Each structure stands twice: as structure tokens, then as C-alpha cells.
Amino acid sequence: MTRPTSRDVATAAGVSQATVSLVLGDKWPGRVSERTATHVRETATRLGYRPNLAARNLRLGTTRTALLVVPALTNEFFARVYTGAARVAAEHDFGVVLYPSPDGTGPARDPFASARAALDGVIASSMAADALDAIGGATLPLVMLDSDPTAGTAAAHINLAMADGMRQITEHLLPLGHRRFLHLASAIDTWTFHTRAEALRALLGPDTELRTVRAPLTVDGARTAMETALATPQDRPTAIVCDDDILAAGACKAARRLGLRIPEDLSVTGFDDLALATAVEPELTTVHLPAERVGEQGMAALLAILEGTTWTAPDIPVRLVVRDSTGPAPTPQP
């Protein structure tokens, strides 16, 4: 059986093809009677007619498709961003194609013969704006998520209040007596991690010590880096502030291998509030990042831009979730 066409609906309903187009395009009021419109819709339903969206989009010069570019699919944060973006897109008859950049945060390759012909816009999470040039970042509407708001030519930026997340961490740890800090920083060179590092440095006063160790964004990479950093008892911090829950999990593994108790000997904090945060023992104190909200706002911003509206919005709030991986600083041994 062939797929029924609008011509088949017109023949079965005894009306012109133009009338079918008006009714199914919801442009019939004032031009077609309500009785005829109802008859056409019922006929289309009975025949199983569905509009050819590809043909319609070709006529209108739009694909109703957005590309969401992420550095990787292995991080739960980006899956949540996609969930939020796809939810808003579906409400507006849009589709979202998820594209993990083959080169991570580096320049992304065009996944299509021509992104400009296949897409209405691009949303990119945790990447540099110039990394999207090959996809059409300079010509397609571009919304940047979790990226430098002062860089590039993006039409809109959606950011989380990362610096405030670091403020909440320090305001939790300092009253617990912590003065020797180690920042377990991601080795990935992006704006979001630079922002966290700058905020932490600015928030700790002159009566504190801060050491920075960089590690790959993997549990094993973080564990290896921390086993080295914690090996000498005299130089040990009392609190490790991690850029990500994945790094925090590696830090916890390193502490256990060295016979250190969490939080009695060492407090550990993360960022993201991934499922991993409650899978480790003790459960992780971390900054909750509402990733789905980021995706929702990213898609909403793109839709607004496509309609010719300027998008502005404050940074999305984050909140510290205190669990069992943090506690009072240990008393210095004589």
C-alpha cells in the first residue's frame, strides 16, 4: 500500500486539494466552513494521512531541526542537557539531533554534507564558540551553553552560576575549620573549569593554603593524581575541592588506598550531582547543576532567536547538596 496523499484526501472528501491544504494547515477559519473542515479532518484520519514534513519544510525553507553538540556522551551531564532540550523542542514540533564532537571540546566537524542546509540552528554545550565554525556557527543561529559569554558571535548564552557554586562550597568548608585546600582541577581547557578555578582562588582568604592538581576527567586519572598528591603526610590538605563528581570519585579511591578516612581525615566535594554522587561511599557533598534546565533554556533561546526575538536571561542557580563526604577539619597532630 502506498502512503495516502493530500490529493487522495481531497478526492475522498469531495473537495479541492487547496481546501485540504487550508484545513490541515489550520488556515481554514473564514475561508472554509466548520462543517467542511471537520469532514476533511475526519477523512484524513480515516485514510491514515500524515503530512509530508520534509516536503513542507522544503517549501518553507526550514527543517525544524536543531543540532546539539556536546564534547562526549560518556558524561551524564550532557545526557541530561539533551533531555531538557528535546522536551522543549517536542512541544514546538522541533527535532534535536545529538552530536558528540569527535574531537571533544576542540573544533567540531560538520556531521552533514552541509549543516546549513540540514539545520535551523545549533546549540553547543561546554565548548568554545569558534569550535563550531565548520558546522556553521558563523552563519546558523548559535546558542552556547556553559561557555564564555564574552567570546564568539553566539546569538545567546545559557550559563550556570558556577562561581556561586564555589562560594557555597567554601562557605560550607571554612566554618568546619578547613584551611588547607587542594583543588583537583580538570585538565580540560574550557571556560567552565577556568571559572571554577578563578572563583575558588578569589574566595579563599590569606589565612588559607590552596594547591592545584590537574587530572584527566576520569576516575582512574583522578585516582592516580591524588595518590601522588596525598603521599606525603606533611603536605596533605584537609579538603579536596573537585571540578566534577568523576574527579571526586577518583579522589575518594586514592584516599582509601592510602588508608585515609573520609571525612574524618579528608573532606571531598564535587560538582554536578551525578548519579555517581550517591553511588560512592560515603555519599558525596556536591554542587547540583540542573542540566535539564540548561537544555530547556538552550532550546527556548534558539526558538526565540528563530522568531526574531532577543534572548537574555540570568545565570541558572545552582545549589550545594551536603552529604557525608565532608566534615570538620582534623585536629593537627603535635
Protein backbone atom coordinates (compact mmCIF):
# COMPACT_ATOMS: atom_id res chain seq x y z
CA MET A 1 0.00 0.00 0.00
CA THR A 2 1.22 3.47 -0.87
CA ARG A 3 1.11 6.31 1.59
CA PRO A 4 -2.07 8.41 1.12
CA THR A 5 -1.54 11.91 -0.24
CA SER A 6 -3.42 15.16 0.18
CA ARG A 7 -4.85 14.52 -3.30
CA ASP A 8 -6.32 11.23 -2.03
CA VAL A 9 -7.89 13.08 0.91
CA ALA A 10 -9.37 15.70 -1.45
CA THR A 11 -10.85 13.02 -3.72
CA ALA A 12 -12.34 11.03 -0.83
CA ALA A 13 -13.76 14.17 0.81
CA GLY A 14 -15.08 15.60 -2.45
CA VAL A 15 -13.20 18.90 -2.05
CA SER A 16 -10.29 20.59 -3.76
CA GLN A 17 -6.69 19.92 -2.80
CA ALA A 18 -6.41 23.61 -1.84
CA THR A 19 -9.21 23.12 0.69
CA VAL A 20 -7.39 20.15 2.21
CA SER A 21 -4.25 22.26 2.48
CA LEU A 22 -6.13 25.06 4.23
CA VAL A 23 -7.82 22.71 6.69
CA LEU A 24 -4.79 20.59 7.57
CA GLY A 25 -2.62 23.70 7.77
CA ASP A 26 -5.14 25.16 10.23
CA LYS A 27 -5.71 28.17 7.98
CA TRP A 28 -9.37 27.45 7.20
CA PRO A 29 -11.25 29.84 9.56
CA GLY A 30 -13.07 32.45 7.48
CA ARG A 31 -12.29 30.62 4.26
CA VAL A 32 -13.86 27.17 4.73
CA SER A 33 -16.97 26.26 6.70
CA GLU A 34 -16.52 24.47 10.01
CA ARG A 35 -18.60 21.58 8.68
CA THR A 36 -16.26 21.14 5.69
CA ALA A 37 -13.18 21.44 7.89
CA THR A 38 -14.48 18.71 10.19
CA HIS A 39 -15.29 16.50 7.22
CA VAL A 40 -11.78 16.94 5.76
CA ARG A 41 -10.08 16.14 9.08
CA GLU A 42 -12.21 13.04 9.59
CA THR A 43 -11.45 11.87 6.06
CA ALA A 44 -7.71 12.40 6.57
CA THR A 45 -7.85 10.40 9.80
CA ARG A 46 -9.84 7.58 8.18
CA LEU A 47 -7.31 7.31 5.33
CA GLY A 48 -4.35 7.44 7.70
CA TYR A 49 -3.00 10.55 6.02
CA ARG A 50 0.06 12.21 7.56
CA PRO A 51 1.61 15.36 6.10
CA ASN A 52 4.99 15.03 4.41
CA LEU A 53 7.01 17.15 6.79
CA ALA A 54 10.14 17.01 4.66
CA ALA A 55 8.29 18.42 1.66
CA ARG A 56 6.57 21.04 3.79
CA ASN A 57 9.83 22.12 5.36
CA LEU A 58 11.49 22.32 1.94
CA ARG A 59 8.75 24.68 0.76
CA LEU A 60 9.05 26.81 3.88
CA GLY A 61 12.86 26.85 3.82
CA THR A 62 13.13 25.30 7.28
CA THR A 63 13.95 21.85 8.65
CA ARG A 64 12.63 22.35 12.21
CA THR A 65 15.78 20.59 13.35
CA ALA A 66 18.41 21.75 15.85
CA LEU A 67 21.84 20.23 16.38
CA LEU A 68 23.05 19.80 19.96
CA VAL A 69 26.83 19.48 20.02
CA VAL A 70 28.46 18.04 23.16
CA PRO A 71 32.07 17.09 23.91
CA ALA A 72 31.17 13.49 24.82
CA LEU A 73 28.32 11.10 25.50
CA THR A 74 30.08 9.42 28.42
CA ASN A 75 29.21 12.22 30.85
CA GLU A 76 25.74 12.06 32.35
CA PHE A 77 25.54 15.87 32.43
CA PHE A 78 25.25 16.08 28.64
CA ALA A 79 22.58 13.38 28.51
CA ARG A 80 20.51 15.49 30.88
CA VAL A 81 21.09 18.60 28.76
CA TYR A 82 19.76 16.70 25.75
CA THR A 83 16.70 15.52 27.69
CA GLY A 84 15.78 19.10 28.56
CA ALA A 85 16.37 20.42 25.04
CA ALA A 86 14.39 17.60 23.41
CA ARG A 87 11.45 18.16 25.77
CA VAL A 88 11.07 21.82 24.78
CA ALA A 89 11.73 21.03 21.12
CA ALA A 90 8.95 18.42 21.03
CA GLU A 91 6.49 20.96 22.40
CA HIS A 92 7.22 23.13 19.34
CA ASP A 93 7.31 20.40 16.68
CA PHE A 94 11.11 20.54 16.52
CA GLY A 95 13.63 17.73 16.49
CA VAL A 96 17.03 17.67 18.18
CA VAL A 97 19.97 15.76 16.73
CA LEU A 98 22.58 14.92 19.35
CA TYR A 99 26.15 15.11 18.05
CA PRO A 100 29.18 14.23 20.19
CA SER A 101 32.13 16.12 18.74
CA PRO A 102 34.77 13.59 17.60
CA ASP A 103 37.48 15.88 18.98
CA GLY A 104 35.91 16.64 22.33
CA THR A 105 35.94 20.35 23.10
CA GLY A 106 38.11 21.06 20.03
CA PRO A 107 36.88 22.12 16.58
CA ALA A 108 33.79 20.08 15.68
CA ARG A 109 33.46 18.59 12.22
CA ASP A 110 30.31 19.07 10.16
CA PRO A 111 28.24 15.86 10.62
CA PHE A 112 26.29 16.58 7.42
CA ALA A 113 27.16 17.30 3.82
CA SER A 114 26.08 20.82 4.71
CA ALA A 115 24.84 21.72 8.16
CA ARG A 116 23.46 24.96 6.77
CA ALA A 117 21.05 23.00 4.58
CA ALA A 118 20.13 20.38 7.17
CA LEU A 119 19.61 22.54 10.27
CA ASP A 120 17.76 25.56 11.56
CA GLY A 121 20.22 26.20 14.37
CA VAL A 122 22.98 24.87 16.62
CA ILE A 123 23.18 24.52 20.39
CA ALA A 124 26.62 23.74 21.81
CA SER A 125 27.38 22.71 25.38
CA SER A 126 30.69 23.37 27.18
CA MET A 127 32.65 24.24 24.04
CA ALA A 128 34.36 27.29 22.59
CA ALA A 129 32.30 29.29 20.09
CA ASP A 130 34.98 29.08 17.39
CA ALA A 131 34.88 25.28 17.67
CA LEU A 132 31.57 25.41 15.79
CA ASP A 133 32.82 27.22 12.68
CA ALA A 134 32.83 24.09 10.50
CA ILE A 135 29.22 23.35 11.43
CA GLY A 136 28.09 26.84 10.52
CA GLY A 137 28.47 28.59 13.83
CA ALA A 138 29.14 31.83 11.96
CA THR A 139 26.03 31.62 9.75
CA LEU A 140 23.48 29.46 11.59
CA PRO A 141 21.80 30.73 14.78
CA LEU A 142 24.07 29.56 17.59
CA VAL A 143 23.27 29.16 21.28
CA MET A 144 26.16 28.43 23.61
CA LEU A 145 25.66 26.57 26.89
CA ASP A 146 28.14 26.71 29.77
CA SER A 147 30.65 28.81 27.81
CA ASP A 148 32.39 32.18 27.80
CA PRO A 149 29.70 34.84 27.37
CA THR A 150 32.24 37.37 26.08
CA ALA A 151 33.66 35.23 23.28
CA GLY A 152 32.44 34.47 19.78
CA THR A 153 29.34 35.56 17.91
CA ALA A 154 26.71 33.35 19.54
CA ALA A 155 23.19 34.74 19.47
CA ALA A 156 22.61 33.69 23.09
CA HIS A 157 24.44 32.24 26.07
CA ILE A 158 22.98 30.00 28.77
CA ASN A 159 25.21 29.64 31.81
CA LEU A 160 25.09 28.17 35.28
CA ALA A 161 26.11 30.21 38.32
CA MET A 162 29.41 28.32 38.64
CA ALA A 163 31.16 30.94 40.76
CA ASP A 164 28.27 30.88 43.20
CA GLY A 165 28.62 27.10 43.40
CA MET A 166 32.22 27.56 44.54
CA ARG A 167 31.03 30.18 47.04
CA GLN A 168 28.62 27.68 48.56
CA ILE A 169 31.42 25.09 48.83
CA THR A 170 33.82 27.44 50.60
CA GLU A 171 31.10 28.74 52.93
CA HIS A 172 30.45 25.11 53.87
CA LEU A 173 34.08 24.11 54.39
CA LEU A 174 35.59 27.18 56.08
CA PRO A 175 33.28 27.07 59.15
CA LEU A 176 34.25 23.41 59.52
CA GLY A 177 37.81 24.57 60.19
CA HIS A 178 39.40 23.74 56.84
CA ARG A 179 42.36 25.92 55.90
CA ARG A 180 44.48 23.62 53.70
CA PHE A 181 42.76 23.07 50.35
CA LEU A 182 43.63 21.10 47.26
CA HIS A 183 41.81 21.93 44.03
CA LEU A 184 41.54 18.79 41.89
CA ALA A 185 41.05 20.55 38.57
CA SER A 186 40.01 19.10 35.25
CA ALA A 187 42.80 19.05 32.68
CA ILE A 188 40.25 20.05 30.01
CA ASP A 189 40.91 23.64 28.91
CA THR A 190 37.43 25.21 28.89
CA TRP A 191 35.77 28.37 30.22
CA THR A 192 33.62 26.48 32.71
CA PHE A 193 36.61 24.96 34.51
CA HIS A 194 38.58 28.22 34.40
CA THR A 195 35.62 29.94 36.06
CA ARG A 196 35.57 27.42 38.90
CA ALA A 197 39.32 27.81 39.49
CA GLU A 198 39.20 31.61 39.49
CA ALA A 199 36.25 31.65 41.87
CA LEU A 200 37.93 29.27 44.32
CA ARG A 201 41.13 31.35 44.39
CA ALA A 202 39.16 34.55 44.97
CA LEU A 203 37.04 33.07 47.76
CA LEU A 204 39.86 31.70 49.92
CA GLY A 205 41.50 34.28 52.16
CA PRO A 206 45.14 34.86 53.13
CA ASP A 207 44.84 32.52 56.12
CA THR A 208 44.30 29.51 53.83
CA GLU A 209 46.54 27.38 51.62
CA LEU A 210 45.49 26.34 48.12
CA ARG A 211 47.29 23.85 45.91
CA THR A 212 46.08 22.87 42.44
CA VAL A 213 46.50 19.44 40.82
CA ARG A 214 45.16 18.76 37.31
CA ALA A 215 43.89 15.39 36.16
CA PRO A 216 42.11 13.85 33.18
CA LEU A 217 38.34 13.78 33.62
CA THR A 218 38.29 10.08 34.54
CA VAL A 219 38.11 8.20 37.82
CA ASP A 220 41.45 6.46 37.19
CA GLY A 221 43.16 9.68 36.13
CA ALA A 222 41.98 11.43 39.28
CA ARG A 223 42.94 8.50 41.49
CA THR A 224 46.48 8.41 40.08
CA ALA A 225 46.94 12.16 40.50
CA MET A 226 45.65 12.07 44.08
CA GLU A 227 47.74 9.10 45.14
CA THR A 228 50.79 11.19 44.29
CA ALA A 229 49.46 14.41 45.80
CA LEU A 230 48.47 12.79 49.11
CA ALA A 231 51.54 10.58 49.51
CA THR A 232 53.42 12.94 51.86
CA PRO A 233 51.58 13.39 55.20
CA GLN A 234 53.15 16.80 55.90
CA ASP A 235 51.71 18.33 52.72
CA ARG A 236 48.25 16.82 52.89
CA PRO A 237 45.24 19.10 52.57
CA THR A 238 42.23 18.70 54.84
CA ALA A 239 39.77 19.34 51.99
CA ILE A 240 39.79 18.45 48.29
CA VAL A 241 37.58 20.59 46.06
CA CYS A 242 36.96 18.75 42.79
CA ASP A 243 35.78 20.21 39.47
CA ASP A 244 33.48 17.25 38.84
CA ASP A 245 31.93 14.27 40.63
CA ILE A 246 34.01 11.93 38.47
CA LEU A 247 37.20 13.52 39.79
CA ALA A 248 35.82 13.36 43.32
CA ALA A 249 35.20 9.62 42.96
CA GLY A 250 38.84 9.17 41.95
CA ALA A 251 39.98 11.25 44.92
CA CYS A 252 37.95 9.08 47.27
CA LYS A 253 39.52 5.91 45.82
CA ALA A 254 43.00 7.36 46.29
CA ALA A 255 42.25 8.28 49.91
CA ARG A 256 41.04 4.78 50.70
CA ARG A 257 44.14 3.20 49.12
CA LEU A 258 46.31 5.43 51.33
CA GLY A 259 44.34 4.47 54.44
CA LEU A 260 42.70 7.90 54.84
CA ARG A 261 39.19 8.15 56.19
CA ILE A 262 36.55 10.36 54.59
CA PRO A 263 35.53 12.73 56.10
CA GLU A 264 37.48 12.17 59.36
CA ASP A 265 40.91 12.69 57.73
CA LEU A 266 39.90 14.34 54.48
CA SER A 267 36.79 16.10 53.18
CA VAL A 268 35.93 15.82 49.47
CA THR A 269 33.48 17.86 47.38
CA GLY A 270 32.33 17.52 43.79
CA PHE A 271 30.41 19.35 41.08
CA ASP A 272 27.41 18.16 39.01
CA ASP A 273 25.47 15.90 41.41
CA LEU A 274 25.59 12.95 39.01
CA ALA A 275 24.11 9.58 39.94
CA LEU A 276 27.69 8.70 40.88
CA ALA A 277 27.47 11.11 43.84
CA THR A 278 25.17 8.77 45.76
CA ALA A 279 26.80 5.58 44.46
CA VAL A 280 30.11 6.22 46.25
CA GLU A 281 30.54 5.63 49.98
CA PRO A 282 30.37 7.94 51.81
CA GLU A 283 27.94 9.80 49.60
CA LEU A 284 29.38 12.91 48.03
CA THR A 285 28.84 16.52 49.03
CA THR A 286 28.50 18.25 45.67
CA VAL A 287 27.06 21.21 43.78
CA HIS A 288 23.86 20.26 41.99
CA LEU A 289 23.83 21.54 38.40
CA PRO A 290 20.32 21.47 36.85
CA ALA A 291 21.47 20.16 33.48
CA GLU A 292 17.96 19.56 32.12
CA ARG A 293 17.13 23.19 32.84
CA VAL A 294 20.21 24.19 30.84
CA GLY A 295 18.93 22.18 27.86
CA GLU A 296 15.43 23.60 28.22
CA GLN A 297 16.67 27.18 28.24
CA GLY A 298 19.05 26.49 25.37
CA MET A 299 16.23 25.25 23.15
CA ALA A 300 13.91 28.04 24.27
CA ALA A 301 16.61 30.58 23.39
CA LEU A 302 17.08 29.10 19.93
CA LEU A 303 13.33 29.14 19.25
CA ALA A 304 13.16 32.78 20.35
CA ILE A 305 16.05 33.71 18.06
CA LEU A 306 14.43 31.95 15.10
CA GLU A 307 11.34 34.06 15.73
CA GLY A 308 13.43 37.23 15.72
CA THR A 309 13.40 37.79 19.49
CA THR A 310 16.48 38.69 21.52
CA TRP A 311 17.15 36.24 24.34
CA THR A 312 18.50 37.38 27.69
CA ALA A 313 18.35 35.51 30.97
CA PRO A 314 20.28 35.46 34.27
CA ASP A 315 22.59 32.59 35.11
CA ILE A 316 20.77 29.46 36.25
CA PRO A 317 21.08 28.99 40.04
CA VAL A 318 22.97 26.01 41.47
CA ARG A 319 22.87 24.59 45.00
CA LEU A 320 25.16 22.71 47.30
CA VAL A 321 23.93 19.27 48.41
CA VAL A 322 25.65 18.35 51.68
CA ARG A 323 26.19 14.66 52.23
CA ASP A 324 28.66 12.56 54.22
CA SER A 325 31.95 13.20 52.38
CA THR A 326 32.59 16.45 54.29
CA GLY A 327 33.10 17.08 57.99
CA PRO A 328 35.19 19.07 60.47
CA ALA A 329 38.86 19.50 59.66
CA PRO A 330 41.03 17.01 61.55
CA THR A 331 42.88 18.33 64.58
CA PRO A 332 46.58 18.92 63.75
CA GLN A 333 48.82 16.27 65.28
CA PRO A 334 51.55 17.58 67.64
